[in-house]
Amino acid sequence: MALVSLDFFRAAMFRWLEYGGQRPQTAQWTATASGAVVLQKGGSGIKITKATPGRIFDPGVTAAANMGAAMAQSAYETLSAFFTDTKTGPCDYDLIVTGDLGRVGHQIVIELFQKDGIDMKPTYDDCGLMLYDGTQDVHSGGSGCGCSAAVLCSYLLGSLEKKILKKVLFCGTGALLSPTSTNQGESIPGICHLVCLEADL
């Protein structure tokens, strides 16, 4: 087992040091993080008051190093459907967060809503950006479900419990791909599911 681990380490070092592979600025760093939440029916505390299940959208992005762009359309579509169904807008929430779009995907969502005449900037953020303090070189930000899990279970739920935040839209984002589909040049569809979290007032 030790030999396998050593071989893996050597391969990784060759890839990044000797081979000289460059990560584009659109690339994100996979977050080694996790979180868990237990839900119960009834009682007091933070409530899930509304939800919108997402649909798969394929914007045609084929670069695995540009996951934010691959998932941004699905985040926009889910949020748009939610705003339409609930007759609300960004100003009705203290914070709106997507899971792991990073800098590139975050900006795309802002621009898509700008075309609809909706300003997302005052209340919109992304867990892939919130996970880091801005001093680390993580290119476009964090990636993976660990981003949203860690930010939700630490900052977001803590702020809702203390009533610093009262109403939050939490939008989990994901990309539907495999190494095989990526190597074959297939596009990367995205999906986004949304829940509205509210502090117990």
N, C-alpha and C. Protein backbone atom coordinates (compact mmCIF):
# COMPACT_ATOMS: atom_id res chain seq x y z
N MET A 1 0.82 -1.19 0.00
CA MET A 1 0.00 0.00 0.00
C MET A 1 0.86 1.26 0.00
N ALA A 2 1.98 1.23 0.72
CA ALA A 2 2.87 2.39 0.77
C ALA A 2 3.46 2.67 -0.60
N LEU A 3 3.77 1.61 -1.38
CA LEU A 3 4.33 1.80 -2.72
C LEU A 3 3.33 2.46 -3.65
N VAL A 4 2.06 2.10 -3.54
CA VAL A 4 1.01 2.71 -4.37
C VAL A 4 0.92 4.20 -4.05
N SER A 5 0.90 4.53 -2.77
CA SER A 5 0.82 5.93 -2.36
C SER A 5 2.02 6.71 -2.87
N LEU A 6 3.22 6.13 -2.79
CA LEU A 6 4.42 6.80 -3.26
C LEU A 6 4.36 7.02 -4.77
N ASP A 7 3.90 6.00 -5.51
CA ASP A 7 3.77 6.14 -6.96
C ASP A 7 2.78 7.24 -7.32
N PHE A 8 1.67 7.30 -6.58
CA PHE A 8 0.67 8.33 -6.83
C PHE A 8 1.28 9.71 -6.57
N PHE A 9 2.04 9.83 -5.48
CA PHE A 9 2.68 11.10 -5.15
C PHE A 9 3.65 11.51 -6.24
N ARG A 10 4.46 10.57 -6.73
CA ARG A 10 5.43 10.88 -7.77
C ARG A 10 4.73 11.32 -9.05
N ALA A 11 3.62 10.65 -9.39
CA ALA A 11 2.87 11.02 -10.60
C ALA A 11 2.30 12.43 -10.47
N ALA A 12 1.79 12.73 -9.28
CA ALA A 12 1.22 14.07 -9.06
C ALA A 12 2.31 15.14 -9.15
N MET A 13 3.46 14.86 -8.56
CA MET A 13 4.55 15.84 -8.60
C MET A 13 5.05 16.03 -10.03
N PHE A 14 5.12 14.96 -10.81
CA PHE A 14 5.53 15.10 -12.21
C PHE A 14 4.54 15.97 -12.97
N ARG A 15 3.26 15.72 -12.70
CA ARG A 15 2.24 16.46 -13.42
C ARG A 15 2.35 17.96 -13.20
N TRP A 16 2.58 18.35 -11.92
CA TRP A 16 2.55 19.78 -11.61
C TRP A 16 3.92 20.44 -11.63
N LEU A 17 5.00 19.70 -11.38
CA LEU A 17 6.31 20.33 -11.32
C LEU A 17 7.15 20.07 -12.57
N GLU A 18 7.45 18.81 -12.83
CA GLU A 18 8.33 18.50 -13.94
C GLU A 18 7.64 18.69 -15.29
N TYR A 19 6.39 18.25 -15.38
CA TYR A 19 5.66 18.37 -16.63
C TYR A 19 5.36 19.84 -16.92
N GLY A 20 5.15 20.62 -15.87
CA GLY A 20 4.90 22.05 -16.03
C GLY A 20 3.49 22.38 -16.48
N GLY A 21 2.51 21.52 -16.15
CA GLY A 21 1.13 21.79 -16.53
C GLY A 21 0.62 23.09 -15.90
N GLN A 22 0.00 23.93 -16.69
CA GLN A 22 -0.50 25.22 -16.22
C GLN A 22 -2.01 25.16 -16.06
N ARG A 23 -2.50 25.63 -14.93
CA ARG A 23 -3.94 25.73 -14.72
C ARG A 23 -4.40 27.08 -15.24
N PRO A 24 -5.43 27.11 -16.09
CA PRO A 24 -5.95 28.40 -16.56
C PRO A 24 -6.62 29.17 -15.42
N GLN A 25 -6.77 30.46 -15.59
CA GLN A 25 -7.37 31.28 -14.53
C GLN A 25 -8.84 30.95 -14.30
N THR A 26 -9.48 30.28 -15.26
CA THR A 26 -10.87 29.87 -15.05
C THR A 26 -10.98 28.65 -14.15
N ALA A 27 -9.85 27.97 -13.89
CA ALA A 27 -9.87 26.75 -13.08
C ALA A 27 -10.14 27.07 -11.62
N GLN A 28 -10.72 26.10 -10.92
CA GLN A 28 -11.02 26.22 -9.49
C GLN A 28 -10.29 25.11 -8.74
N TRP A 29 -10.11 25.30 -7.43
CA TRP A 29 -9.43 24.33 -6.59
C TRP A 29 -10.46 23.54 -5.80
N THR A 30 -10.39 22.22 -5.90
CA THR A 30 -11.33 21.36 -5.19
C THR A 30 -11.17 21.55 -3.69
N ALA A 31 -12.27 21.87 -3.03
CA ALA A 31 -12.25 22.09 -1.58
C ALA A 31 -12.34 20.75 -0.85
N THR A 32 -11.38 20.51 0.03
CA THR A 32 -11.43 19.34 0.89
C THR A 32 -12.21 19.75 2.13
N ALA A 33 -13.52 19.61 2.05
CA ALA A 33 -14.40 20.08 3.12
C ALA A 33 -15.66 19.24 3.12
N SER A 34 -16.39 19.29 4.21
CA SER A 34 -17.64 18.55 4.29
C SER A 34 -18.55 19.20 5.31
N GLY A 35 -19.77 18.76 5.32
CA GLY A 35 -20.74 19.26 6.29
C GLY A 35 -21.93 18.33 6.33
N ALA A 36 -22.66 18.34 7.42
CA ALA A 36 -23.85 17.50 7.55
C ALA A 36 -24.91 18.25 8.34
N VAL A 37 -26.16 18.08 7.93
CA VAL A 37 -27.28 18.75 8.58
C VAL A 37 -28.37 17.71 8.85
N VAL A 38 -28.94 17.75 10.03
CA VAL A 38 -30.05 16.86 10.36
C VAL A 38 -31.35 17.66 10.29
N LEU A 39 -32.31 17.16 9.52
CA LEU A 39 -33.61 17.83 9.39
C LEU A 39 -34.63 17.12 10.25
N GLN A 40 -35.58 17.89 10.77
CA GLN A 40 -36.69 17.29 11.51
C GLN A 40 -37.97 18.01 11.14
N LYS A 41 -39.06 17.32 11.31
CA LYS A 41 -40.36 17.91 11.03
C LYS A 41 -40.84 18.66 12.28
N GLY A 42 -41.21 19.91 12.08
CA GLY A 42 -41.71 20.70 13.21
C GLY A 42 -40.60 21.19 14.11
N GLY A 43 -40.97 21.71 15.26
CA GLY A 43 -40.00 22.22 16.20
C GLY A 43 -39.60 23.65 15.88
N SER A 44 -38.61 24.13 16.60
CA SER A 44 -38.14 25.50 16.41
C SER A 44 -36.74 25.47 15.79
N GLY A 45 -36.30 26.62 15.35
CA GLY A 45 -34.98 26.73 14.74
C GLY A 45 -35.07 27.22 13.31
N ILE A 46 -34.03 26.99 12.56
CA ILE A 46 -33.99 27.42 11.17
C ILE A 46 -34.94 26.54 10.35
N LYS A 47 -35.72 27.19 9.49
CA LYS A 47 -36.72 26.47 8.71
C LYS A 47 -36.41 26.51 7.21
N ILE A 48 -36.73 25.42 6.53
CA ILE A 48 -36.77 25.43 5.06
C ILE A 48 -38.21 25.77 4.70
N THR A 49 -38.42 26.95 4.16
CA THR A 49 -39.78 27.42 3.90
C THR A 49 -40.22 27.21 2.45
N LYS A 50 -39.28 27.17 1.53
CA LYS A 50 -39.60 26.97 0.12
C LYS A 50 -38.45 26.22 -0.55
N ALA A 51 -38.75 25.62 -1.68
CA ALA A 51 -37.71 24.91 -2.43
C ALA A 51 -38.06 24.89 -3.91
N THR A 52 -37.06 24.87 -4.73
CA THR A 52 -37.24 24.73 -6.18
C THR A 52 -36.23 23.70 -6.68
N PRO A 53 -36.71 22.53 -7.11
CA PRO A 53 -35.78 21.56 -7.71
C PRO A 53 -35.36 22.06 -9.08
N GLY A 54 -34.11 21.83 -9.41
CA GLY A 54 -33.59 22.34 -10.67
C GLY A 54 -33.80 21.38 -11.82
N ARG A 55 -33.57 21.90 -13.03
CA ARG A 55 -33.55 21.11 -14.25
C ARG A 55 -32.16 21.18 -14.85
N ILE A 56 -31.81 20.21 -15.65
CA ILE A 56 -30.49 20.17 -16.26
C ILE A 56 -30.44 21.15 -17.43
N PHE A 57 -29.39 21.96 -17.47
CA PHE A 57 -29.16 22.87 -18.59
C PHE A 57 -27.75 22.65 -19.11
N ASP A 58 -27.62 22.68 -20.42
CA ASP A 58 -26.33 22.45 -21.06
C ASP A 58 -25.96 23.67 -21.90
N PRO A 59 -25.08 24.53 -21.37
CA PRO A 59 -24.69 25.73 -22.13
C PRO A 59 -23.65 25.45 -23.20
N GLY A 60 -23.19 24.21 -23.31
CA GLY A 60 -22.24 23.86 -24.36
C GLY A 60 -20.78 24.01 -23.98
N VAL A 61 -20.48 24.23 -22.72
CA VAL A 61 -19.09 24.36 -22.26
C VAL A 61 -18.44 22.97 -22.27
N THR A 62 -17.26 22.87 -22.87
CA THR A 62 -16.58 21.57 -22.93
C THR A 62 -15.30 21.53 -22.11
N ALA A 63 -14.86 22.66 -21.58
CA ALA A 63 -13.60 22.73 -20.83
C ALA A 63 -13.84 22.38 -19.36
N ALA A 64 -13.22 21.28 -18.90
CA ALA A 64 -13.37 20.88 -17.50
C ALA A 64 -12.72 21.88 -16.55
N ALA A 65 -11.86 22.74 -17.07
CA ALA A 65 -11.21 23.77 -16.25
C ALA A 65 -12.02 25.07 -16.25
N ASN A 66 -13.29 24.98 -16.64
CA ASN A 66 -14.16 26.16 -16.63
C ASN A 66 -15.54 25.74 -16.12
N MET A 67 -15.55 25.12 -14.95
CA MET A 67 -16.78 24.56 -14.40
C MET A 67 -17.81 25.63 -14.02
N GLY A 68 -17.35 26.79 -13.62
CA GLY A 68 -18.27 27.86 -13.27
C GLY A 68 -19.15 28.24 -14.43
N ALA A 69 -18.55 28.34 -15.62
CA ALA A 69 -19.33 28.67 -16.81
C ALA A 69 -20.29 27.54 -17.17
N ALA A 70 -19.89 26.30 -16.90
CA ALA A 70 -20.76 25.15 -17.21
C ALA A 70 -22.00 25.12 -16.32
N MET A 71 -21.89 25.60 -15.08
CA MET A 71 -23.00 25.51 -14.12
C MET A 71 -23.81 26.79 -13.99
N ALA A 72 -23.30 27.91 -14.47
CA ALA A 72 -23.94 29.21 -14.24
C ALA A 72 -25.35 29.30 -14.82
N GLN A 73 -25.55 28.75 -16.01
CA GLN A 73 -26.87 28.81 -16.65
C GLN A 73 -27.93 28.10 -15.81
N SER A 74 -27.57 26.96 -15.23
CA SER A 74 -28.55 26.24 -14.41
C SER A 74 -28.90 27.02 -13.14
N ALA A 75 -27.92 27.69 -12.55
CA ALA A 75 -28.19 28.53 -11.37
C ALA A 75 -29.12 29.67 -11.73
N TYR A 76 -28.86 30.30 -12.86
CA TYR A 76 -29.72 31.40 -13.34
C TYR A 76 -31.15 30.90 -13.56
N GLU A 77 -31.30 29.77 -14.22
CA GLU A 77 -32.63 29.24 -14.55
C GLU A 77 -33.41 28.89 -13.28
N THR A 78 -32.76 28.26 -12.31
CA THR A 78 -33.44 27.88 -11.07
C THR A 78 -33.85 29.12 -10.27
N LEU A 79 -32.93 30.08 -10.15
CA LEU A 79 -33.27 31.32 -9.44
C LEU A 79 -34.37 32.09 -10.14
N SER A 80 -34.34 32.15 -11.46
CA SER A 80 -35.38 32.84 -12.23
C SER A 80 -36.74 32.20 -12.00
N ALA A 81 -36.77 30.86 -12.04
CA ALA A 81 -38.03 30.15 -11.80
C ALA A 81 -38.55 30.42 -10.39
N PHE A 82 -37.64 30.44 -9.42
CA PHE A 82 -38.04 30.69 -8.03
C PHE A 82 -38.61 32.10 -7.88
N PHE A 83 -37.92 33.09 -8.43
CA PHE A 83 -38.41 34.47 -8.33
C PHE A 83 -39.79 34.62 -8.98
N THR A 84 -39.98 33.97 -10.12
CA THR A 84 -41.27 34.03 -10.82
C THR A 84 -42.36 33.35 -9.99
N ASP A 85 -42.08 32.16 -9.48
CA ASP A 85 -43.08 31.40 -8.72
C ASP A 85 -43.48 32.11 -7.43
N THR A 86 -42.51 32.72 -6.76
CA THR A 86 -42.77 33.33 -5.45
C THR A 86 -43.07 34.82 -5.53
N LYS A 87 -42.97 35.37 -6.76
CA LYS A 87 -43.18 36.81 -6.96
C LYS A 87 -42.27 37.64 -6.03
N THR A 88 -41.02 37.21 -5.92
CA THR A 88 -40.02 37.91 -5.11
C THR A 88 -38.83 38.26 -6.00
N GLY A 89 -37.87 38.95 -5.42
CA GLY A 89 -36.64 39.31 -6.11
C GLY A 89 -35.48 39.30 -5.15
N PRO A 90 -34.29 39.60 -5.63
CA PRO A 90 -33.09 39.57 -4.77
C PRO A 90 -33.20 40.41 -3.52
N CYS A 91 -33.89 41.55 -3.60
CA CYS A 91 -33.98 42.46 -2.45
C CYS A 91 -34.82 41.89 -1.32
N ASP A 92 -35.56 40.81 -1.57
CA ASP A 92 -36.38 40.19 -0.52
C ASP A 92 -35.58 39.23 0.36
N TYR A 93 -34.29 39.08 0.09
CA TYR A 93 -33.46 38.12 0.82
C TYR A 93 -32.20 38.81 1.34
N ASP A 94 -31.76 38.37 2.50
CA ASP A 94 -30.53 38.93 3.07
C ASP A 94 -29.30 38.47 2.30
N LEU A 95 -29.36 37.25 1.79
CA LEU A 95 -28.23 36.68 1.07
C LEU A 95 -28.72 35.60 0.13
N ILE A 96 -28.14 35.58 -1.06
CA ILE A 96 -28.39 34.53 -2.05
C ILE A 96 -27.03 33.93 -2.38
N VAL A 97 -26.89 32.62 -2.20
CA VAL A 97 -25.59 31.99 -2.46
C VAL A 97 -25.76 30.80 -3.40
N THR A 98 -24.82 30.69 -4.33
CA THR A 98 -24.71 29.48 -5.15
C THR A 98 -23.58 28.64 -4.58
N GLY A 99 -23.51 27.38 -5.03
CA GLY A 99 -22.60 26.43 -4.41
C GLY A 99 -21.14 26.61 -4.74
N ASP A 100 -20.78 26.47 -6.01
CA ASP A 100 -19.35 26.50 -6.34
C ASP A 100 -19.12 26.98 -7.78
N LEU A 101 -19.72 28.12 -8.10
CA LEU A 101 -19.52 28.68 -9.45
C LEU A 101 -18.19 29.41 -9.57
N GLY A 102 -17.63 29.81 -8.46
CA GLY A 102 -16.37 30.54 -8.50
C GLY A 102 -16.55 31.92 -9.13
N ARG A 103 -15.45 32.59 -9.37
CA ARG A 103 -15.48 33.96 -9.89
C ARG A 103 -16.12 34.05 -11.27
N VAL A 104 -15.79 33.10 -12.14
CA VAL A 104 -16.30 33.14 -13.52
C VAL A 104 -17.81 32.91 -13.54
N GLY A 105 -18.28 31.83 -12.92
CA GLY A 105 -19.70 31.54 -12.91
C GLY A 105 -20.52 32.58 -12.19
N HIS A 106 -19.98 33.09 -11.09
CA HIS A 106 -20.64 34.16 -10.31
C HIS A 106 -20.90 35.37 -11.20
N GLN A 107 -19.91 35.77 -11.98
CA GLN A 107 -20.05 36.92 -12.86
C GLN A 107 -21.05 36.65 -13.98
N ILE A 108 -21.07 35.43 -14.49
CA ILE A 108 -22.03 35.07 -15.55
C ILE A 108 -23.46 35.18 -15.03
N VAL A 109 -23.72 34.69 -13.82
CA VAL A 109 -25.06 34.79 -13.23
C VAL A 109 -25.48 36.26 -13.10
N ILE A 110 -24.57 37.10 -12.64
CA ILE A 110 -24.86 38.53 -12.51
C ILE A 110 -25.23 39.11 -13.87
N GLU A 111 -24.46 38.77 -14.89
CA GLU A 111 -24.71 39.31 -16.23
C GLU A 111 -26.01 38.79 -16.83
N LEU A 112 -26.35 37.53 -16.60
CA LEU A 112 -27.61 36.99 -17.11
C LEU A 112 -28.80 37.71 -16.49
N PHE A 113 -28.74 37.99 -15.20
CA PHE A 113 -29.83 38.70 -14.55
C PHE A 113 -29.87 40.17 -14.97
N GLN A 114 -28.72 40.76 -15.25
CA GLN A 114 -28.69 42.14 -15.73
C GLN A 114 -29.48 42.30 -17.02
N LYS A 115 -29.44 41.27 -17.88
CA LYS A 115 -30.22 41.30 -19.12
C LYS A 115 -31.71 41.32 -18.85
N ASP A 116 -32.13 40.80 -17.68
CA ASP A 116 -33.54 40.83 -17.28
C ASP A 116 -33.88 42.09 -16.49
N GLY A 117 -32.90 42.97 -16.31
CA GLY A 117 -33.12 44.18 -15.54
C GLY A 117 -33.09 43.95 -14.04
N ILE A 118 -32.46 42.86 -13.61
CA ILE A 118 -32.39 42.53 -12.18
C ILE A 118 -30.95 42.64 -11.69
N ASP A 119 -30.75 43.40 -10.61
CA ASP A 119 -29.41 43.59 -10.04
C ASP A 119 -29.20 42.61 -8.89
N MET A 120 -28.33 41.63 -9.10
CA MET A 120 -28.05 40.62 -8.09
C MET A 120 -26.92 41.02 -7.13
N LYS A 121 -26.14 42.02 -7.51
CA LYS A 121 -24.91 42.33 -6.78
C LYS A 121 -25.08 42.59 -5.29
N PRO A 122 -26.11 43.32 -4.84
CA PRO A 122 -26.18 43.64 -3.40
C PRO A 122 -26.31 42.42 -2.49
N THR A 123 -26.94 41.33 -2.97
CA THR A 123 -27.21 40.20 -2.06
C THR A 123 -26.64 38.87 -2.54
N TYR A 124 -25.97 38.84 -3.68
CA TYR A 124 -25.55 37.56 -4.26
C TYR A 124 -24.06 37.28 -4.02
N ASP A 125 -23.77 36.04 -3.59
CA ASP A 125 -22.40 35.59 -3.40
C ASP A 125 -22.31 34.12 -3.80
N ASP A 126 -21.12 33.56 -3.74
CA ASP A 126 -20.91 32.17 -4.11
C ASP A 126 -20.03 31.50 -3.06
N CYS A 127 -20.40 30.29 -2.64
CA CYS A 127 -19.64 29.59 -1.60
C CYS A 127 -18.21 29.30 -2.03
N GLY A 128 -17.99 29.10 -3.33
CA GLY A 128 -16.64 28.88 -3.83
C GLY A 128 -15.74 30.10 -3.66
N LEU A 129 -16.35 31.28 -3.53
CA LEU A 129 -15.60 32.51 -3.26
C LEU A 129 -15.53 32.80 -1.77
N MET A 130 -16.59 32.46 -1.05
CA MET A 130 -16.66 32.74 0.38
C MET A 130 -15.74 31.84 1.20
N LEU A 131 -15.40 30.68 0.65
CA LEU A 131 -14.61 29.70 1.38
C LEU A 131 -13.18 30.18 1.64
N TYR A 132 -12.68 31.05 0.79
CA TYR A 132 -11.30 31.56 0.90
C TYR A 132 -11.32 33.04 1.23
N ASP A 133 -10.24 33.53 1.81
CA ASP A 133 -10.20 34.93 2.23
C ASP A 133 -9.65 35.87 1.18
N GLY A 134 -9.33 35.37 0.01
CA GLY A 134 -8.85 36.22 -1.07
C GLY A 134 -7.35 36.32 -1.16
N THR A 135 -6.62 35.83 -0.14
CA THR A 135 -5.16 35.93 -0.19
C THR A 135 -4.53 34.70 -0.84
N GLN A 136 -5.26 33.57 -0.85
CA GLN A 136 -4.72 32.36 -1.47
C GLN A 136 -4.92 32.42 -2.99
N ASP A 137 -4.00 31.84 -3.71
CA ASP A 137 -4.14 31.78 -5.16
C ASP A 137 -4.95 30.54 -5.52
N VAL A 138 -6.25 30.70 -5.56
CA VAL A 138 -7.13 29.59 -5.92
C VAL A 138 -7.78 29.87 -7.28
N HIS A 139 -7.15 30.72 -8.07
CA HIS A 139 -7.63 31.09 -9.40
C HIS A 139 -9.09 31.57 -9.32
N SER A 140 -10.03 30.83 -9.90
CA SER A 140 -11.41 31.30 -9.94
C SER A 140 -12.17 31.05 -8.64
N GLY A 141 -11.59 30.28 -7.71
CA GLY A 141 -12.26 30.02 -6.43
C GLY A 141 -12.27 28.55 -6.10
N GLY A 142 -13.12 28.18 -5.15
CA GLY A 142 -13.23 26.79 -4.74
C GLY A 142 -14.21 26.02 -5.61
N SER A 143 -14.09 24.71 -5.59
CA SER A 143 -14.94 23.84 -6.39
C SER A 143 -15.36 22.63 -5.57
N GLY A 144 -16.48 22.05 -5.94
CA GLY A 144 -16.94 20.83 -5.29
C GLY A 144 -18.00 21.08 -4.24
N CYS A 145 -18.73 20.01 -3.90
CA CYS A 145 -19.83 20.15 -2.94
C CYS A 145 -19.34 20.53 -1.55
N GLY A 146 -18.06 20.33 -1.29
CA GLY A 146 -17.50 20.74 -0.01
C GLY A 146 -17.59 22.23 0.22
N CYS A 147 -17.58 23.01 -0.86
CA CYS A 147 -17.68 24.48 -0.72
C CYS A 147 -19.01 24.85 -0.07
N SER A 148 -20.11 24.40 -0.65
CA SER A 148 -21.42 24.77 -0.13
C SER A 148 -21.67 24.12 1.23
N ALA A 149 -21.22 22.87 1.41
CA ALA A 149 -21.43 22.19 2.69
C ALA A 149 -20.73 22.92 3.83
N ALA A 150 -19.48 23.31 3.61
CA ALA A 150 -18.71 23.97 4.66
C ALA A 150 -19.24 25.36 4.97
N VAL A 151 -19.57 26.13 3.94
CA VAL A 151 -20.08 27.49 4.16
C VAL A 151 -21.46 27.44 4.81
N LEU A 152 -22.31 26.50 4.38
CA LEU A 152 -23.63 26.37 4.98
C LEU A 152 -23.54 26.01 6.45
N CYS A 153 -22.76 24.98 6.76
CA CYS A 153 -22.73 24.46 8.13
C CYS A 153 -21.94 25.33 9.11
N SER A 154 -21.19 26.26 8.60
CA SER A 154 -20.46 27.16 9.49
C SER A 154 -21.07 28.56 9.47
N TYR A 155 -20.77 29.30 8.45
CA TYR A 155 -21.18 30.71 8.40
C TYR A 155 -22.69 30.91 8.27
N LEU A 156 -23.32 30.24 7.30
CA LEU A 156 -24.73 30.52 7.02
C LEU A 156 -25.65 30.10 8.16
N LEU A 157 -25.55 28.86 8.61
CA LEU A 157 -26.42 28.41 9.70
C LEU A 157 -26.12 29.17 11.00
N GLY A 158 -24.85 29.46 11.24
CA GLY A 158 -24.49 30.25 12.42
C GLY A 158 -25.09 31.63 12.39
N SER A 159 -25.07 32.27 11.22
CA SER A 159 -25.64 33.62 11.07
C SER A 159 -27.15 33.60 11.18
N LEU A 160 -27.79 32.54 10.70
CA LEU A 160 -29.24 32.41 10.84
C LEU A 160 -29.63 32.16 12.29
N GLU A 161 -28.87 31.36 12.99
CA GLU A 161 -29.16 31.09 14.41
C GLU A 161 -29.05 32.36 15.24
N LYS A 162 -28.04 33.19 14.92
CA LYS A 162 -27.84 34.44 15.66
C LYS A 162 -28.72 35.57 15.12
N LYS A 163 -29.48 35.26 14.05
CA LYS A 163 -30.38 36.22 13.40
C LYS A 163 -29.64 37.41 12.78
N ILE A 164 -28.35 37.19 12.48
CA ILE A 164 -27.62 38.17 11.68
C ILE A 164 -28.19 38.16 10.27
N LEU A 165 -28.51 36.96 9.80
CA LEU A 165 -29.25 36.77 8.55
C LEU A 165 -30.62 36.20 8.91
N LYS A 166 -31.66 36.65 8.21
CA LYS A 166 -33.00 36.16 8.51
C LYS A 166 -33.58 35.30 7.40
N LYS A 167 -33.20 35.59 6.16
CA LYS A 167 -33.74 34.84 5.03
C LYS A 167 -32.65 34.66 3.98
N VAL A 168 -32.34 33.40 3.66
CA VAL A 168 -31.24 33.07 2.75
C VAL A 168 -31.72 32.11 1.67
N LEU A 169 -31.34 32.39 0.42
CA LEU A 169 -31.56 31.43 -0.65
C LEU A 169 -30.26 30.67 -0.86
N PHE A 170 -30.32 29.37 -0.64
CA PHE A 170 -29.15 28.50 -0.75
C PHE A 170 -29.33 27.64 -1.99
N CYS A 171 -28.44 27.80 -2.95
CA CYS A 171 -28.58 27.16 -4.26
C CYS A 171 -27.41 26.22 -4.52
N GLY A 172 -27.63 24.93 -4.34
CA GLY A 172 -26.59 23.95 -4.59
C GLY A 172 -26.39 23.75 -6.08
N THR A 173 -25.16 23.88 -6.55
CA THR A 173 -24.87 23.73 -7.97
C THR A 173 -24.04 22.47 -8.21
N GLY A 174 -24.19 21.90 -9.39
CA GLY A 174 -23.43 20.70 -9.71
C GLY A 174 -23.23 20.55 -11.20
N ALA A 175 -22.18 19.86 -11.58
CA ALA A 175 -21.88 19.59 -12.98
C ALA A 175 -22.01 18.09 -13.24
N LEU A 176 -22.55 17.74 -14.37
CA LEU A 176 -22.81 16.35 -14.72
C LEU A 176 -21.80 15.92 -15.78
N LEU A 177 -20.70 15.35 -15.33
CA LEU A 177 -19.65 14.94 -16.25
C LEU A 177 -18.92 13.73 -15.71
N SER A 178 -18.13 13.14 -16.56
CA SER A 178 -17.26 12.03 -16.16
C SER A 178 -15.94 12.21 -16.90
N PRO A 179 -14.87 11.57 -16.44
CA PRO A 179 -13.60 11.66 -17.17
C PRO A 179 -13.75 11.22 -18.63
N THR A 180 -14.59 10.20 -18.87
CA THR A 180 -14.77 9.71 -20.24
C THR A 180 -15.43 10.75 -21.12
N SER A 181 -16.53 11.34 -20.64
CA SER A 181 -17.23 12.35 -21.46
C SER A 181 -16.36 13.57 -21.70
N THR A 182 -15.58 13.96 -20.69
CA THR A 182 -14.69 15.11 -20.86
C THR A 182 -13.59 14.80 -21.87
N ASN A 183 -12.98 13.63 -21.77
CA ASN A 183 -11.92 13.26 -22.71
C ASN A 183 -12.44 13.13 -24.13
N GLN A 184 -13.73 12.86 -24.29
CA GLN A 184 -14.32 12.75 -25.61
C GLN A 184 -14.80 14.11 -26.13
N GLY A 185 -14.57 15.17 -25.36
CA GLY A 185 -14.94 16.51 -25.80
C GLY A 185 -16.42 16.82 -25.67
N GLU A 186 -17.14 16.03 -24.87
CA GLU A 186 -18.57 16.29 -24.68
C GLU A 186 -18.78 17.54 -23.82
N SER A 187 -19.92 18.19 -23.99
CA SER A 187 -20.25 19.37 -23.19
C SER A 187 -20.60 18.94 -21.76
N ILE A 188 -20.57 19.91 -20.85
CA ILE A 188 -20.78 19.64 -19.43
C ILE A 188 -22.09 20.29 -18.97
N PRO A 189 -23.17 19.51 -18.83
CA PRO A 189 -24.43 20.08 -18.33
C PRO A 189 -24.31 20.42 -16.85
N GLY A 190 -25.14 21.34 -16.40
CA GLY A 190 -25.17 21.71 -14.99
C GLY A 190 -26.57 21.59 -14.42
N ILE A 191 -26.66 21.57 -13.10
CA ILE A 191 -27.95 21.55 -12.42
C ILE A 191 -27.84 22.34 -11.13
N CYS A 192 -28.97 22.88 -10.67
CA CYS A 192 -28.98 23.69 -9.45
C CYS A 192 -30.31 23.48 -8.73
N HIS A 193 -30.24 23.13 -7.44
CA HIS A 193 -31.42 22.99 -6.60
C HIS A 193 -31.40 24.10 -5.54
N LEU A 194 -32.55 24.63 -5.20
CA LEU A 194 -32.64 25.80 -4.31
C LEU A 194 -33.52 25.51 -3.11
N VAL A 195 -33.09 25.99 -1.94
CA VAL A 195 -33.95 26.00 -0.75
C VAL A 195 -33.88 27.39 -0.12
N CYS A 196 -35.01 27.80 0.44
CA CYS A 196 -35.06 29.06 1.17
C CYS A 196 -34.98 28.75 2.66
N LEU A 197 -33.96 29.28 3.31
CA LEU A 197 -33.74 29.08 4.73
C LEU A 197 -34.14 30.34 5.49
N GLU A 198 -34.93 30.17 6.53
CA GLU A 198 -35.37 31.34 7.31
C GLU A 198 -35.13 31.12 8.78
N ALA A 199 -34.66 32.17 9.44
CA ALA A 199 -34.46 32.12 10.88
C ALA A 199 -35.80 32.07 11.58
N ASP A 200 -35.86 31.38 12.69
CA ASP A 200 -37.10 31.28 13.48
C ASP A 200 -37.24 32.56 14.29
N LEU A 201 -38.12 33.43 13.83
CA LEU A 201 -38.35 34.70 14.51
C LEU A 201 -39.48 34.56 15.52
